[in-house]
Amino acid sequence: MIALGCDHGGFELKQEIMAHLEKRGLAYRDFGTYTKDSCDYPVYGKAVAKAVASGECERGILICGTGIGISITANKIPGVRAAVCTDCFCAEATRLHNDANILALGGRVVGPGLALKIVDTFLDTPFSGDERHKRRISMIEE
């Protein structure tokens, strides 16, 4: 299960991502926001991060205007490794090296075509499991 969340700046891109996940047959849970009305990104960043940290959802996707604020919020929750990605290389690297469990996107930064490729790369790339990466993740978690 994939947890989804956004503020008003990410609402339209979240709609594109939900349709894409449905086409791929991937289950998701939408934690909001549900309109384009102005709202506070920490509400949705925390909700998705808590769902991922608890194991309720395997991974998460968060979207705000830049992806930055909502990722900062998510990373406050222990066990979360949220990464802002603006290209497929970053999405692949953060999965391979950091075992990131939440992807953050900027709805005002990345267009829908690229965003869907980033989502696919993030979801389809496994963690490498290399000892050096495990060690570094452990150092982050300390």
Foldseek 3Di string as FASTA:
>chain_A
DEEEEEFLQCQVLVVLQVVVCVVVVHDYDYPDDPDNDGDDLLVRLCVRLVCCQVVVHVAYEYEYQAQPVSQVSSVVDQPADEDEDQALVVLQCCQQQVVHRYYTYHSNRHDNVRVNVSVCSNVVHHHNPDPVSVVVNVVVND
